[in-house]
């Protein structure tokens, strides 16, 4: 397994670690002091590092000319899992993030299904430009929102941080709306560009 694919696998491994910090600890878990008080900051750091590995593995693969079909298949899956888990964690802040989560999940299931059909016919569908822009805007929105959430939760008694947190929430929500629009657009684009896959079934 080459280095880019190992980095992608490392990103997948980071996902349950992010979940450990971002979601509520089980009641039976003993009090963890500092970790409990600042667990959302740990979650934010893990998400940022995982997002950066997404840019790193692709850059290394292209620079060393070691792009593989396995990498093309695994990388989008790692991105989907990371974004989905982060969106699910934000539903703890507001139930309205469920809408964004469901739109993203619907698009990802549909595109993944199409990729499986293509794979069964010996074709690999790599991420397009609109899909990459969708992923980029999702990451920016999520990092902004997670930063706001971590700041508000970790330092609730500091007025300046609460003000900054409010501004970041507004900015993050605006970017998230744009990313949801890109999610829908890129999903439609995938189906339009690969409509020949379905024409074969009609023959």
Protein backbone atom coordinates (compact mmCIF):
# COMPACT_ATOMS: atom_id res chain seq x y z
CA UNK A 1 0.00 0.00 0.00
CA UNK A 2 1.43 3.38 -1.01
CA UNK A 3 1.81 6.44 1.24
CA UNK A 4 -1.29 8.38 0.04
CA UNK A 5 -3.53 5.39 0.72
CA UNK A 6 -2.01 4.97 4.17
CA UNK A 7 -2.76 8.63 4.90
CA UNK A 8 -6.34 8.09 3.75
CA UNK A 9 -6.67 5.08 6.08
CA UNK A 10 -5.26 7.19 8.91
CA UNK A 11 -8.04 9.73 8.24
CA UNK A 12 -10.63 6.99 8.57
CA UNK A 13 -9.06 5.87 11.86
CA UNK A 14 -9.35 9.45 13.15
CA UNK A 15 -13.13 9.39 12.70
CA UNK A 16 -14.00 7.24 15.77
CA UNK A 17 -11.47 9.28 17.77
CA UNK A 18 -13.34 12.44 16.74
CA UNK A 19 -16.61 10.79 17.75
CA UNK A 20 -15.19 9.96 21.18
CA UNK A 21 -14.66 13.65 21.91
CA UNK A 22 -17.51 15.25 19.93
CA UNK A 23 -20.36 13.09 21.22
CA UNK A 24 -21.50 12.85 24.86
CA UNK A 25 -19.49 10.49 27.02
CA UNK A 26 -21.42 7.44 28.30
CA UNK A 27 -22.77 7.78 31.83
CA UNK A 28 -20.70 4.85 33.02
CA UNK A 29 -17.45 6.50 31.95
CA UNK A 30 -15.46 7.92 34.87
CA UNK A 31 -14.88 11.65 35.16
CA UNK A 32 -11.94 12.66 32.99
CA UNK A 33 -11.31 16.17 34.31
CA UNK A 34 -9.41 18.28 31.79
CA UNK A 35 -10.38 16.04 28.88
CA UNK A 36 -14.07 16.36 29.75
CA UNK A 37 -13.90 20.13 30.12
CA UNK A 38 -12.19 20.71 26.78
CA UNK A 39 -13.25 17.66 24.80
CA UNK A 40 -14.72 19.77 21.98
CA UNK A 41 -11.37 21.45 21.47
CA UNK A 42 -9.80 18.00 21.10
CA UNK A 43 -12.55 17.10 18.61
CA UNK A 44 -11.89 20.29 16.63
CA UNK A 45 -8.15 19.61 16.44
CA UNK A 46 -8.76 16.05 15.24
CA UNK A 47 -11.20 17.23 12.58
CA UNK A 48 -8.77 19.89 11.31
CA UNK A 49 -5.90 17.39 11.14
CA UNK A 50 -8.10 14.85 9.35
CA UNK A 51 -9.23 17.52 6.85
CA UNK A 52 -5.62 18.48 6.15
CA UNK A 53 -4.72 14.86 5.39
CA UNK A 54 -7.34 14.98 2.62
CA UNK A 55 -5.28 17.62 0.80
CA UNK A 56 -2.01 15.88 1.65
CA UNK A 57 -2.75 12.42 0.26
CA UNK A 58 -4.01 13.75 -3.08
CA UNK A 59 -1.03 16.10 -3.47
CA UNK A 60 1.46 13.30 -2.75
CA UNK A 61 -0.31 10.90 -5.13
CA UNK A 62 -0.23 13.40 -8.00
CA UNK A 63 3.33 14.56 -7.34
CA UNK A 64 4.72 11.02 -7.23
CA UNK A 65 2.37 9.81 -9.98
CA UNK A 66 1.03 7.00 -7.80
CA UNK A 67 -2.70 7.61 -8.23
CA UNK A 68 -4.48 4.25 -7.90
CA UNK A 69 -8.04 3.03 -8.42
CA UNK A 70 -8.07 1.98 -4.77
CA UNK A 71 -7.15 5.52 -3.76
CA UNK A 72 -9.82 7.00 -6.02
CA UNK A 73 -12.36 4.73 -4.35
CA UNK A 74 -11.17 5.05 -0.74
CA UNK A 75 -10.54 8.81 -0.61
CA UNK A 76 -14.16 9.89 -1.31
CA UNK A 77 -15.42 7.34 1.25
CA UNK A 78 -13.10 8.79 3.92
CA UNK A 79 -14.34 12.30 3.08
CA UNK A 80 -17.99 11.24 3.27
CA UNK A 81 -17.55 9.53 6.64
CA UNK A 82 -15.68 12.48 8.13
CA UNK A 83 -18.19 15.08 6.95
CA UNK A 84 -21.19 12.98 7.95
CA UNK A 85 -19.91 12.37 11.48
CA UNK A 86 -19.12 16.08 11.92
CA UNK A 87 -22.60 17.07 10.73
CA UNK A 88 -24.19 14.54 13.06
CA UNK A 89 -22.24 15.97 15.97
CA UNK A 90 -23.56 19.45 15.13
CA UNK A 91 -27.13 18.20 15.57
CA UNK A 92 -26.29 18.31 19.29
CA UNK A 93 -26.11 22.10 18.86
CA UNK A 94 -29.27 22.47 16.80
CA UNK A 95 -31.73 19.97 15.37
CA UNK A 96 -31.87 22.01 12.16
CA UNK A 97 -28.50 20.63 11.09
CA UNK A 98 -30.35 17.37 10.47
CA UNK A 99 -31.56 18.89 7.18
CA UNK A 100 -28.01 19.46 5.94
CA UNK A 101 -27.02 16.01 7.16
CA UNK A 102 -29.86 14.28 5.30
CA UNK A 103 -29.17 16.17 2.06
CA UNK A 104 -25.50 15.27 2.23
CA UNK A 105 -26.24 11.61 3.07
CA UNK A 106 -28.80 11.30 0.27
CA UNK A 107 -26.36 12.71 -2.27
CA UNK A 108 -23.51 10.51 -1.04
CA UNK A 109 -25.57 7.30 -1.07
CA UNK A 110 -26.78 8.08 -4.59
CA UNK A 111 -23.30 8.83 -5.94
CA UNK A 112 -21.81 5.83 -4.14
CA UNK A 113 -24.48 3.61 -5.69
CA UNK A 114 -23.59 4.98 -9.10
CA UNK A 115 -19.89 4.35 -8.45
CA UNK A 116 -20.68 0.73 -7.54
CA UNK A 117 -22.54 0.28 -10.83
CA UNK A 118 -19.61 1.81 -12.70
CA UNK A 119 -17.12 -0.41 -10.81
CA UNK A 120 -19.08 -3.53 -11.77
CA UNK A 121 -18.49 -2.51 -15.40
CA UNK A 122 -14.81 -1.83 -14.96
CA UNK A 123 -15.10 1.95 -14.72
CA UNK A 124 -13.85 4.14 -11.88
CA UNK A 125 -15.55 7.52 -11.34
CA UNK A 126 -13.13 9.94 -9.76
CA UNK A 127 -14.22 13.06 -7.90
CA UNK A 128 -14.95 15.99 -10.22
CA UNK A 129 -14.19 19.67 -9.69
CA UNK A 130 -17.66 20.44 -8.33
CA UNK A 131 -17.36 17.49 -5.95
CA UNK A 132 -14.01 18.75 -4.71
CA UNK A 133 -15.44 22.27 -4.25
CA UNK A 134 -18.33 20.74 -2.35
CA UNK A 135 -15.92 18.92 -0.03
CA UNK A 136 -13.81 22.05 0.45
CA UNK A 137 -16.78 24.27 1.38
CA UNK A 138 -18.14 21.58 3.69
CA UNK A 139 -14.81 21.40 5.53
CA UNK A 140 -14.57 25.19 5.84
CA UNK A 141 -18.14 25.41 7.12
CA UNK A 142 -17.65 22.57 9.57
CA UNK A 143 -14.34 23.88 10.91
CA UNK A 144 -15.95 27.30 11.42
CA UNK A 145 -18.99 25.85 13.18
CA UNK A 146 -16.98 23.42 15.27
CA UNK A 147 -14.66 26.25 16.34
CA UNK A 148 -17.67 28.30 17.42
CA UNK A 149 -19.14 25.35 19.30
CA UNK A 150 -15.86 24.47 21.03
CA UNK A 151 -15.23 28.09 22.03
CA UNK A 152 -18.72 28.57 23.45
CA UNK A 153 -18.70 25.26 25.32
CA UNK A 154 -15.15 25.48 26.67
CA UNK A 155 -15.20 29.15 27.75
CA UNK A 156 -18.85 29.99 28.49
CA UNK A 157 -18.06 32.72 31.01
CA UNK A 158 -15.83 34.82 28.72
CA UNK A 159 -17.96 37.53 26.99
CA UNK A 160 -15.50 38.19 24.14
CA UNK A 161 -15.31 34.51 23.23
CA UNK A 162 -19.09 34.22 23.29
CA UNK A 163 -19.32 37.17 20.88
CA UNK A 164 -16.71 35.64 18.57
CA UNK A 165 -18.53 32.32 18.80
CA UNK A 166 -21.79 33.95 17.68
CA UNK A 167 -20.08 35.57 14.68
CA UNK A 168 -18.46 32.26 13.73
CA UNK A 169 -21.81 30.46 13.95
CA UNK A 170 -23.37 32.94 11.53
CA UNK A 171 -20.43 32.72 9.13
CA UNK A 172 -20.34 28.94 9.34
CA UNK A 173 -24.07 28.64 8.66
CA UNK A 174 -23.81 30.84 5.56
CA UNK A 175 -20.93 28.76 4.21
CA UNK A 176 -22.82 25.57 5.08
CA UNK A 177 -25.83 26.72 3.05
CA UNK A 178 -23.53 27.29 0.07
CA UNK A 179 -21.95 23.86 0.54
CA UNK A 180 -25.38 22.21 0.64
CA UNK A 181 -26.21 23.92 -2.67
CA UNK A 182 -22.91 22.61 -4.09
CA UNK A 183 -23.75 19.17 -2.71
CA UNK A 184 -26.99 19.08 -4.69
CA UNK A 185 -25.37 20.54 -7.81
CA UNK A 186 -22.40 18.16 -7.81
CA UNK A 187 -24.70 15.18 -7.26
CA UNK A 188 -26.81 16.16 -10.27
CA UNK A 189 -23.64 16.73 -12.31
CA UNK A 190 -22.36 13.22 -11.53
CA UNK A 191 -25.59 11.68 -12.83
CA UNK A 192 -25.70 13.85 -15.96
CA UNK A 193 -22.07 13.10 -16.87
CA UNK A 194 -22.51 9.35 -16.27
CA UNK A 195 -26.02 8.90 -17.64
CA UNK A 196 -24.67 6.30 -20.10
CA UNK A 197 -24.41 3.87 -17.18
CA UNK A 198 -28.19 3.79 -16.95
CA UNK A 199 -28.81 3.74 -20.70
CA UNK A 200 -27.18 0.34 -20.85
CA UNK A 201 -29.83 -1.02 -18.50
CA UNK A 202 -32.58 0.25 -20.81
CA UNK A 203 -31.27 -1.58 -23.87
